[in-house]
Amino acid sequence: VGREKPATVKRMLSDIYRQNRTDVKGIRTKKYGIEVEVLGIYVSNDVIYIHTCMYNDTNISFEVDARQFIVADKKLAKRTAQQQTPLEILRVCNDPAVVRGHQRQRTVFALPKLTIADDKVLLLEIIEKNGARHQTTEIPSREISNAKVL
């Protein structure tokens, strides 16, 4: 896990989850009654930790099929080719398979160290199993470069 020991990464993930702080504001997406919000972005020894919260305001459960982080170009114009690079998720703390109706679930992701150019963004995609309520949250490059040191 980079320069960090797996046990240390696991401890950091659980510490962030337990503290439940909101250090980043304004990074959220709400579509189809599902809201995804980034609560904090942290860095420690070449590992980036992203603390997220998912709210389900509908009566229907949201079954998570896949979660992925992608480095993509900012949306410039229609009909332009976009380059997308998926990132591997090193570890996850509290990875729910289902977010029931009118509930919230917090998750902390550990990603490898990365820097993003100003014309690119980090996308968090959450895909629903057997459904169409896919969520994509944009994390600007400046938020990653301003990550809080643990």
N, C-alpha and C. Protein backbone atom coordinates (compact mmCIF):
# COMPACT_ATOMS: atom_id res chain seq x y z
N VAL A 1 0.85 -1.17 0.00
CA VAL A 1 0.00 0.00 0.00
C VAL A 1 0.90 1.23 0.00
N GLY A 2 1.63 1.41 -1.07
CA GLY A 2 2.57 2.53 -1.15
C GLY A 2 3.68 2.36 -0.13
N ARG A 3 4.03 3.46 0.54
CA ARG A 3 5.05 3.39 1.60
C ARG A 3 4.43 3.06 2.94
N GLU A 4 3.13 2.98 3.00
CA GLU A 4 2.41 2.78 4.26
C GLU A 4 2.14 1.30 4.49
N LYS A 5 2.26 0.87 5.75
CA LYS A 5 1.94 -0.52 6.09
C LYS A 5 0.42 -0.71 6.04
N PRO A 6 -0.04 -1.91 5.63
CA PRO A 6 -1.49 -2.15 5.57
C PRO A 6 -2.20 -1.92 6.90
N ALA A 7 -1.57 -2.27 8.01
CA ALA A 7 -2.20 -2.08 9.32
C ALA A 7 -2.37 -0.59 9.62
N THR A 8 -1.40 0.23 9.20
CA THR A 8 -1.49 1.67 9.42
C THR A 8 -2.62 2.27 8.59
N VAL A 9 -2.74 1.82 7.34
CA VAL A 9 -3.81 2.31 6.47
C VAL A 9 -5.17 1.95 7.07
N LYS A 10 -5.29 0.74 7.57
CA LYS A 10 -6.55 0.29 8.18
C LYS A 10 -6.89 1.13 9.40
N ARG A 11 -5.88 1.45 10.22
CA ARG A 11 -6.09 2.27 11.42
C ARG A 11 -6.52 3.69 11.03
N MET A 12 -5.86 4.24 10.01
CA MET A 12 -6.20 5.60 9.55
C MET A 12 -7.65 5.64 9.04
N LEU A 13 -8.04 4.62 8.27
CA LEU A 13 -9.41 4.55 7.75
C LEU A 13 -10.42 4.55 8.90
N SER A 14 -10.17 3.71 9.91
CA SER A 14 -11.12 3.62 11.02
C SER A 14 -11.11 4.89 11.88
N ASP A 15 -9.95 5.55 12.01
CA ASP A 15 -9.89 6.82 12.76
C ASP A 15 -10.72 7.90 12.08
N ILE A 16 -10.57 8.02 10.76
CA ILE A 16 -11.34 9.02 10.01
C ILE A 16 -12.83 8.72 10.13
N TYR A 17 -13.18 7.44 10.02
CA TYR A 17 -14.59 7.04 10.11
C TYR A 17 -15.16 7.34 11.50
N ARG A 18 -14.38 7.05 12.52
CA ARG A 18 -14.84 7.24 13.90
C ARG A 18 -15.00 8.72 14.24
N GLN A 19 -14.05 9.57 13.78
CA GLN A 19 -14.11 10.99 14.11
C GLN A 19 -15.27 11.70 13.42
N ASN A 20 -15.64 11.25 12.23
CA ASN A 20 -16.80 11.77 11.50
C ASN A 20 -16.81 13.29 11.42
N ARG A 21 -15.72 13.87 10.94
CA ARG A 21 -15.62 15.32 10.80
C ARG A 21 -15.97 15.74 9.38
N THR A 22 -16.42 16.98 9.25
CA THR A 22 -16.68 17.56 7.93
C THR A 22 -15.63 18.62 7.68
N ASP A 23 -14.62 18.30 6.88
CA ASP A 23 -13.54 19.23 6.59
C ASP A 23 -13.63 19.83 5.19
N VAL A 24 -14.50 19.29 4.35
CA VAL A 24 -14.67 19.80 2.99
C VAL A 24 -16.15 20.11 2.82
N LYS A 25 -16.44 21.27 2.25
CA LYS A 25 -17.83 21.64 2.04
C LYS A 25 -18.08 21.90 0.55
N GLY A 26 -19.29 21.59 0.12
CA GLY A 26 -19.69 21.96 -1.24
C GLY A 26 -19.46 20.92 -2.31
N ILE A 27 -18.87 19.78 -1.99
CA ILE A 27 -18.69 18.74 -3.00
C ILE A 27 -19.80 17.71 -2.79
N ARG A 28 -20.87 17.87 -3.55
CA ARG A 28 -22.00 16.95 -3.41
C ARG A 28 -22.77 16.87 -4.72
N THR A 29 -23.48 15.77 -4.86
CA THR A 29 -24.33 15.54 -6.02
C THR A 29 -25.64 14.95 -5.51
N LYS A 30 -26.75 15.46 -6.02
CA LYS A 30 -28.05 14.89 -5.64
C LYS A 30 -28.86 14.67 -6.91
N LYS A 31 -29.16 13.39 -7.16
CA LYS A 31 -29.99 13.01 -8.30
C LYS A 31 -30.85 11.83 -7.90
N TYR A 32 -32.07 11.80 -8.39
CA TYR A 32 -32.98 10.67 -8.19
C TYR A 32 -33.21 10.38 -6.70
N GLY A 33 -33.11 11.39 -5.84
CA GLY A 33 -33.33 11.17 -4.41
C GLY A 33 -32.14 10.59 -3.68
N ILE A 34 -31.02 10.43 -4.36
CA ILE A 34 -29.79 9.92 -3.75
C ILE A 34 -28.78 11.07 -3.71
N GLU A 35 -28.19 11.31 -2.54
CA GLU A 35 -27.19 12.37 -2.42
C GLU A 35 -25.86 11.76 -1.99
N VAL A 36 -24.80 12.14 -2.70
CA VAL A 36 -23.44 11.71 -2.36
C VAL A 36 -22.66 12.97 -2.01
N GLU A 37 -22.03 12.97 -0.84
CA GLU A 37 -21.28 14.14 -0.38
C GLU A 37 -19.89 13.72 0.08
N VAL A 38 -18.89 14.53 -0.27
CA VAL A 38 -17.52 14.31 0.21
C VAL A 38 -17.36 15.12 1.49
N LEU A 39 -17.07 14.43 2.61
CA LEU A 39 -16.95 15.08 3.91
C LEU A 39 -15.52 15.53 4.21
N GLY A 40 -14.53 14.82 3.65
CA GLY A 40 -13.15 15.19 3.92
C GLY A 40 -12.18 14.51 2.98
N ILE A 41 -11.06 15.20 2.72
CA ILE A 41 -9.97 14.64 1.92
C ILE A 41 -8.70 14.80 2.74
N TYR A 42 -8.02 13.69 2.98
CA TYR A 42 -6.85 13.69 3.85
C TYR A 42 -5.69 13.00 3.14
N VAL A 43 -4.47 13.27 3.59
CA VAL A 43 -3.30 12.62 3.02
C VAL A 43 -2.34 12.25 4.14
N SER A 44 -1.71 11.08 3.99
CA SER A 44 -0.70 10.63 4.94
C SER A 44 0.20 9.63 4.23
N ASN A 45 1.50 9.94 4.18
CA ASN A 45 2.50 9.04 3.57
C ASN A 45 2.06 8.47 2.22
N ASP A 46 1.79 9.33 1.28
CA ASP A 46 1.47 8.92 -0.10
C ASP A 46 0.18 8.13 -0.23
N VAL A 47 -0.71 8.21 0.75
CA VAL A 47 -2.03 7.59 0.63
C VAL A 47 -3.06 8.70 0.84
N ILE A 48 -4.03 8.79 -0.08
CA ILE A 48 -5.09 9.78 0.01
C ILE A 48 -6.34 9.10 0.55
N TYR A 49 -6.95 9.72 1.56
CA TYR A 49 -8.16 9.18 2.18
C TYR A 49 -9.32 10.11 1.83
N ILE A 50 -10.41 9.54 1.32
CA ILE A 50 -11.58 10.33 0.96
C ILE A 50 -12.77 9.82 1.77
N HIS A 51 -13.33 10.71 2.60
CA HIS A 51 -14.45 10.38 3.49
C HIS A 51 -15.74 10.85 2.80
N THR A 52 -16.66 9.91 2.53
CA THR A 52 -17.89 10.24 1.82
C THR A 52 -19.11 9.83 2.63
N CYS A 53 -20.24 10.42 2.28
CA CYS A 53 -21.52 10.06 2.89
C CYS A 53 -22.56 9.96 1.79
N MET A 54 -23.40 8.93 1.88
CA MET A 54 -24.44 8.72 0.89
C MET A 54 -25.79 8.72 1.60
N TYR A 55 -26.70 9.60 1.17
CA TYR A 55 -28.03 9.69 1.75
C TYR A 55 -29.04 9.15 0.74
N ASN A 56 -29.99 8.37 1.20
CA ASN A 56 -31.06 7.86 0.35
C ASN A 56 -32.37 8.45 0.85
N ASP A 57 -32.92 9.43 0.12
CA ASP A 57 -34.17 10.09 0.53
C ASP A 57 -35.40 9.43 -0.08
N THR A 58 -35.23 8.30 -0.75
CA THR A 58 -36.36 7.63 -1.38
C THR A 58 -36.84 6.47 -0.50
N ASN A 59 -37.93 5.85 -0.91
CA ASN A 59 -38.45 4.68 -0.19
C ASN A 59 -37.84 3.38 -0.70
N ILE A 60 -37.11 3.46 -1.81
CA ILE A 60 -36.53 2.27 -2.44
C ILE A 60 -35.05 2.18 -2.07
N SER A 61 -34.61 1.00 -1.67
CA SER A 61 -33.21 0.80 -1.31
C SER A 61 -32.31 1.00 -2.53
N PHE A 62 -31.09 1.48 -2.28
CA PHE A 62 -30.10 1.67 -3.33
C PHE A 62 -29.05 0.58 -3.15
N GLU A 63 -29.01 -0.38 -4.08
CA GLU A 63 -28.02 -1.45 -4.03
C GLU A 63 -26.79 -1.02 -4.81
N VAL A 64 -25.64 -1.00 -4.14
CA VAL A 64 -24.40 -0.57 -4.78
C VAL A 64 -23.82 -1.74 -5.56
N ASP A 65 -23.63 -1.53 -6.86
CA ASP A 65 -23.02 -2.55 -7.71
C ASP A 65 -21.52 -2.33 -7.78
N ALA A 66 -21.10 -1.09 -7.99
CA ALA A 66 -19.67 -0.80 -8.11
C ALA A 66 -19.41 0.64 -7.70
N ARG A 67 -18.20 0.87 -7.20
CA ARG A 67 -17.70 2.22 -6.89
C ARG A 67 -16.35 2.35 -7.55
N GLN A 68 -16.13 3.48 -8.19
CA GLN A 68 -14.82 3.67 -8.81
C GLN A 68 -14.45 5.14 -8.82
N PHE A 69 -13.15 5.38 -8.76
CA PHE A 69 -12.61 6.72 -8.88
C PHE A 69 -11.94 6.82 -10.24
N ILE A 70 -12.20 7.92 -10.95
CA ILE A 70 -11.67 8.10 -12.29
C ILE A 70 -11.10 9.51 -12.39
N VAL A 71 -9.91 9.63 -12.98
CA VAL A 71 -9.35 10.93 -13.32
C VAL A 71 -9.81 11.24 -14.73
N ALA A 72 -10.57 12.34 -14.90
CA ALA A 72 -11.15 12.66 -16.20
C ALA A 72 -10.92 14.14 -16.52
N ASP A 73 -11.07 14.46 -17.81
CA ASP A 73 -11.00 15.85 -18.25
C ASP A 73 -12.22 16.59 -17.75
N LYS A 74 -12.04 17.90 -17.45
CA LYS A 74 -13.20 18.72 -17.14
C LYS A 74 -14.05 18.80 -18.39
N LYS A 75 -15.35 18.92 -18.20
CA LYS A 75 -16.23 18.98 -19.37
C LYS A 75 -15.96 20.28 -20.12
N LEU A 76 -15.48 20.18 -21.34
CA LEU A 76 -15.14 21.36 -22.12
C LEU A 76 -16.26 21.70 -23.10
N ALA A 77 -16.49 20.85 -24.06
CA ALA A 77 -17.50 21.10 -25.07
C ALA A 77 -18.10 19.78 -25.51
N LYS A 78 -19.23 19.86 -26.16
CA LYS A 78 -19.85 18.64 -26.66
C LYS A 78 -18.99 18.06 -27.78
N ARG A 79 -19.09 16.78 -27.95
CA ARG A 79 -18.42 16.05 -29.03
C ARG A 79 -16.90 16.14 -28.98
N THR A 80 -16.36 16.24 -27.81
CA THR A 80 -14.90 16.17 -27.69
C THR A 80 -14.56 14.86 -27.00
N ALA A 81 -13.49 14.26 -27.43
CA ALA A 81 -13.07 12.99 -26.82
C ALA A 81 -12.54 13.27 -25.42
N GLN A 82 -12.97 12.47 -24.47
CA GLN A 82 -12.51 12.63 -23.09
C GLN A 82 -11.64 11.46 -22.71
N GLN A 83 -10.54 11.77 -22.05
CA GLN A 83 -9.66 10.72 -21.58
C GLN A 83 -9.98 10.45 -20.11
N GLN A 84 -10.23 9.19 -19.79
CA GLN A 84 -10.54 8.81 -18.42
C GLN A 84 -9.58 7.73 -17.96
N THR A 85 -9.00 7.92 -16.76
CA THR A 85 -8.07 6.96 -16.19
C THR A 85 -8.62 6.46 -14.87
N PRO A 86 -9.01 5.18 -14.78
CA PRO A 86 -9.52 4.66 -13.50
C PRO A 86 -8.39 4.50 -12.48
N LEU A 87 -8.72 4.67 -11.21
CA LEU A 87 -7.76 4.51 -10.12
C LEU A 87 -8.14 3.27 -9.31
N GLU A 88 -7.12 2.59 -8.80
CA GLU A 88 -7.43 1.45 -7.94
C GLU A 88 -7.70 1.97 -6.52
N ILE A 89 -8.69 1.38 -5.88
CA ILE A 89 -9.00 1.71 -4.49
C ILE A 89 -8.19 0.74 -3.64
N LEU A 90 -7.30 1.28 -2.79
CA LEU A 90 -6.43 0.43 -1.99
C LEU A 90 -7.20 -0.30 -0.89
N ARG A 91 -8.01 0.44 -0.15
CA ARG A 91 -8.79 -0.13 0.96
C ARG A 91 -10.05 0.68 1.14
N VAL A 92 -11.05 0.06 1.78
CA VAL A 92 -12.31 0.74 2.06
C VAL A 92 -12.73 0.43 3.50
N CYS A 93 -13.22 1.44 4.20
CA CYS A 93 -13.77 1.25 5.54
C CYS A 93 -15.28 1.45 5.47
N ASN A 94 -16.05 0.48 5.91
CA ASN A 94 -17.51 0.50 5.90
C ASN A 94 -18.03 0.63 4.47
N ASP A 95 -17.97 -0.46 3.73
CA ASP A 95 -18.42 -0.48 2.34
C ASP A 95 -19.79 -1.16 2.27
N PRO A 96 -20.89 -0.39 2.38
CA PRO A 96 -22.20 -1.03 2.39
C PRO A 96 -22.62 -1.49 1.00
N ALA A 97 -23.29 -2.63 0.95
CA ALA A 97 -23.80 -3.14 -0.32
C ALA A 97 -25.16 -2.52 -0.62
N VAL A 98 -25.87 -2.10 0.43
CA VAL A 98 -27.21 -1.53 0.27
C VAL A 98 -27.35 -0.30 1.18
N VAL A 99 -27.91 0.78 0.62
CA VAL A 99 -28.31 1.94 1.43
C VAL A 99 -29.83 1.94 1.43
N ARG A 100 -30.42 1.58 2.55
CA ARG A 100 -31.88 1.45 2.65
C ARG A 100 -32.56 2.81 2.51
N GLY A 101 -33.86 2.79 2.29
CA GLY A 101 -34.61 4.03 2.14
C GLY A 101 -34.53 4.90 3.38
N HIS A 102 -34.36 6.20 3.18
CA HIS A 102 -34.29 7.20 4.25
C HIS A 102 -33.17 6.91 5.24
N GLN A 103 -32.05 6.40 4.75
CA GLN A 103 -30.88 6.17 5.60
C GLN A 103 -29.65 6.81 4.98
N ARG A 104 -28.59 6.90 5.78
CA ARG A 104 -27.31 7.42 5.30
C ARG A 104 -26.21 6.43 5.65
N GLN A 105 -25.20 6.36 4.80
CA GLN A 105 -24.04 5.49 5.03
C GLN A 105 -22.78 6.29 4.76
N ARG A 106 -21.84 6.21 5.68
CA ARG A 106 -20.54 6.86 5.49
C ARG A 106 -19.52 5.81 5.09
N THR A 107 -18.59 6.20 4.22
CA THR A 107 -17.54 5.31 3.74
C THR A 107 -16.24 6.10 3.64
N VAL A 108 -15.11 5.44 3.95
CA VAL A 108 -13.79 6.07 3.78
C VAL A 108 -12.99 5.21 2.81
N PHE A 109 -12.45 5.87 1.77
CA PHE A 109 -11.66 5.19 0.74
C PHE A 109 -10.20 5.57 0.89
N ALA A 110 -9.30 4.61 0.63
CA ALA A 110 -7.86 4.88 0.57
C ALA A 110 -7.43 4.73 -0.88
N LEU A 111 -6.81 5.78 -1.42
CA LEU A 111 -6.35 5.79 -2.81
C LEU A 111 -4.85 6.02 -2.86
N PRO A 112 -4.20 5.57 -3.93
CA PRO A 112 -2.77 5.87 -4.05
C PRO A 112 -2.55 7.36 -4.26
N LYS A 113 -1.35 7.82 -3.93
CA LYS A 113 -0.98 9.23 -4.10
C LYS A 113 -1.20 9.65 -5.55
N LEU A 114 -1.79 10.83 -5.74
CA LEU A 114 -1.96 11.33 -7.09
C LEU A 114 -2.02 12.85 -7.07
N THR A 115 -1.59 13.44 -8.16
CA THR A 115 -1.77 14.87 -8.37
C THR A 115 -2.52 15.00 -9.69
N ILE A 116 -3.38 15.98 -9.74
CA ILE A 116 -4.24 16.15 -10.91
C ILE A 116 -4.00 17.54 -11.48
N ALA A 117 -3.89 17.63 -12.81
CA ALA A 117 -3.73 18.92 -13.48
C ALA A 117 -4.99 19.76 -13.30
N ASP A 118 -4.86 21.08 -13.50
CA ASP A 118 -6.00 21.98 -13.30
C ASP A 118 -7.15 21.70 -14.26
N ASP A 119 -6.85 21.13 -15.43
CA ASP A 119 -7.91 20.88 -16.41
C ASP A 119 -8.53 19.50 -16.25
N LYS A 120 -8.26 18.84 -15.12
CA LYS A 120 -8.83 17.51 -14.86
C LYS A 120 -9.54 17.51 -13.51
N VAL A 121 -10.40 16.51 -13.32
CA VAL A 121 -11.12 16.34 -12.05
C VAL A 121 -11.08 14.87 -11.66
N LEU A 122 -11.30 14.61 -10.37
CA LEU A 122 -11.43 13.23 -9.88
C LEU A 122 -12.93 12.96 -9.76
N LEU A 123 -13.39 11.90 -10.41
CA LEU A 123 -14.80 11.54 -10.37
C LEU A 123 -14.99 10.33 -9.46
N LEU A 124 -16.00 10.40 -8.60
CA LEU A 124 -16.42 9.24 -7.80
C LEU A 124 -17.72 8.76 -8.43
N GLU A 125 -17.69 7.56 -9.00
CA GLU A 125 -18.88 6.99 -9.63
C GLU A 125 -19.42 5.87 -8.74
N ILE A 126 -20.71 5.94 -8.45
CA ILE A 126 -21.39 4.88 -7.70
C ILE A 126 -22.50 4.36 -8.60
N ILE A 127 -22.45 3.08 -8.91
CA ILE A 127 -23.36 2.48 -9.87
C ILE A 127 -24.35 1.59 -9.14
N GLU A 128 -25.63 1.77 -9.46
CA GLU A 128 -26.68 0.97 -8.81
C GLU A 128 -26.85 -0.35 -9.53
N LYS A 129 -27.03 -1.40 -8.74
CA LYS A 129 -27.26 -2.73 -9.28
C LYS A 129 -28.70 -2.82 -9.79
N ASN A 130 -28.87 -3.26 -11.02
CA ASN A 130 -30.19 -3.42 -11.65
C ASN A 130 -31.01 -2.13 -11.59
N GLY A 131 -30.37 -0.99 -11.75
CA GLY A 131 -31.10 0.28 -11.70
C GLY A 131 -30.41 1.33 -12.53
N ALA A 132 -31.00 2.52 -12.54
CA ALA A 132 -30.46 3.60 -13.36
C ALA A 132 -30.08 4.82 -12.53
N ARG A 133 -30.07 4.70 -11.21
CA ARG A 133 -29.76 5.86 -10.37
C ARG A 133 -28.26 5.96 -10.12
N HIS A 134 -27.46 6.00 -11.16
CA HIS A 134 -26.01 6.10 -11.01
C HIS A 134 -25.65 7.51 -10.55
N GLN A 135 -24.67 7.60 -9.68
CA GLN A 135 -24.23 8.88 -9.13
C GLN A 135 -22.79 9.15 -9.54
N THR A 136 -22.51 10.38 -9.97
CA THR A 136 -21.15 10.80 -10.29
C THR A 136 -20.88 12.11 -9.58
N THR A 137 -19.88 12.12 -8.70
CA THR A 137 -19.51 13.31 -7.95
C THR A 137 -18.15 13.79 -8.41
N GLU A 138 -18.06 15.09 -8.74
CA GLU A 138 -16.80 15.68 -9.21
C GLU A 138 -16.03 16.25 -8.04
N ILE A 139 -14.76 15.86 -7.92
CA ILE A 139 -13.87 16.41 -6.90
C ILE A 139 -12.82 17.23 -7.64
N PRO A 140 -12.82 18.57 -7.48
CA PRO A 140 -11.87 19.41 -8.21
C PRO A 140 -10.42 19.13 -7.80
N SER A 141 -9.49 19.42 -8.70
CA SER A 141 -8.07 19.16 -8.44
C SER A 141 -7.56 19.98 -7.26
N ARG A 142 -8.07 21.19 -7.06
CA ARG A 142 -7.59 22.03 -5.95
C ARG A 142 -7.93 21.43 -4.59
N GLU A 143 -9.04 20.70 -4.51
CA GLU A 143 -9.42 20.06 -3.24
C GLU A 143 -8.43 18.95 -2.88
N ILE A 144 -7.93 18.24 -3.88
CA ILE A 144 -6.96 17.17 -3.62
C ILE A 144 -5.61 17.77 -3.23
N SER A 145 -5.22 18.86 -3.91
CA SER A 145 -3.94 19.47 -3.57
C SER A 145 -3.99 20.17 -2.21
N ASN A 146 -5.19 20.52 -1.73
CA ASN A 146 -5.36 21.14 -0.41
C ASN A 146 -5.78 20.13 0.65
N ALA A 147 -5.52 18.84 0.42
CA ALA A 147 -5.91 17.79 1.36
C ALA A 147 -5.25 18.02 2.71
N LYS A 148 -6.00 17.73 3.77
CA LYS A 148 -5.51 17.92 5.13
C LYS A 148 -4.53 16.80 5.49
N VAL A 149 -3.40 17.15 6.08
CA VAL A 149 -2.38 16.17 6.46
C VAL A 149 -2.77 15.55 7.79
N LEU A 150 -2.70 14.22 7.86
CA LEU A 150 -3.02 13.51 9.11
C LEU A 150 -1.76 13.26 9.92
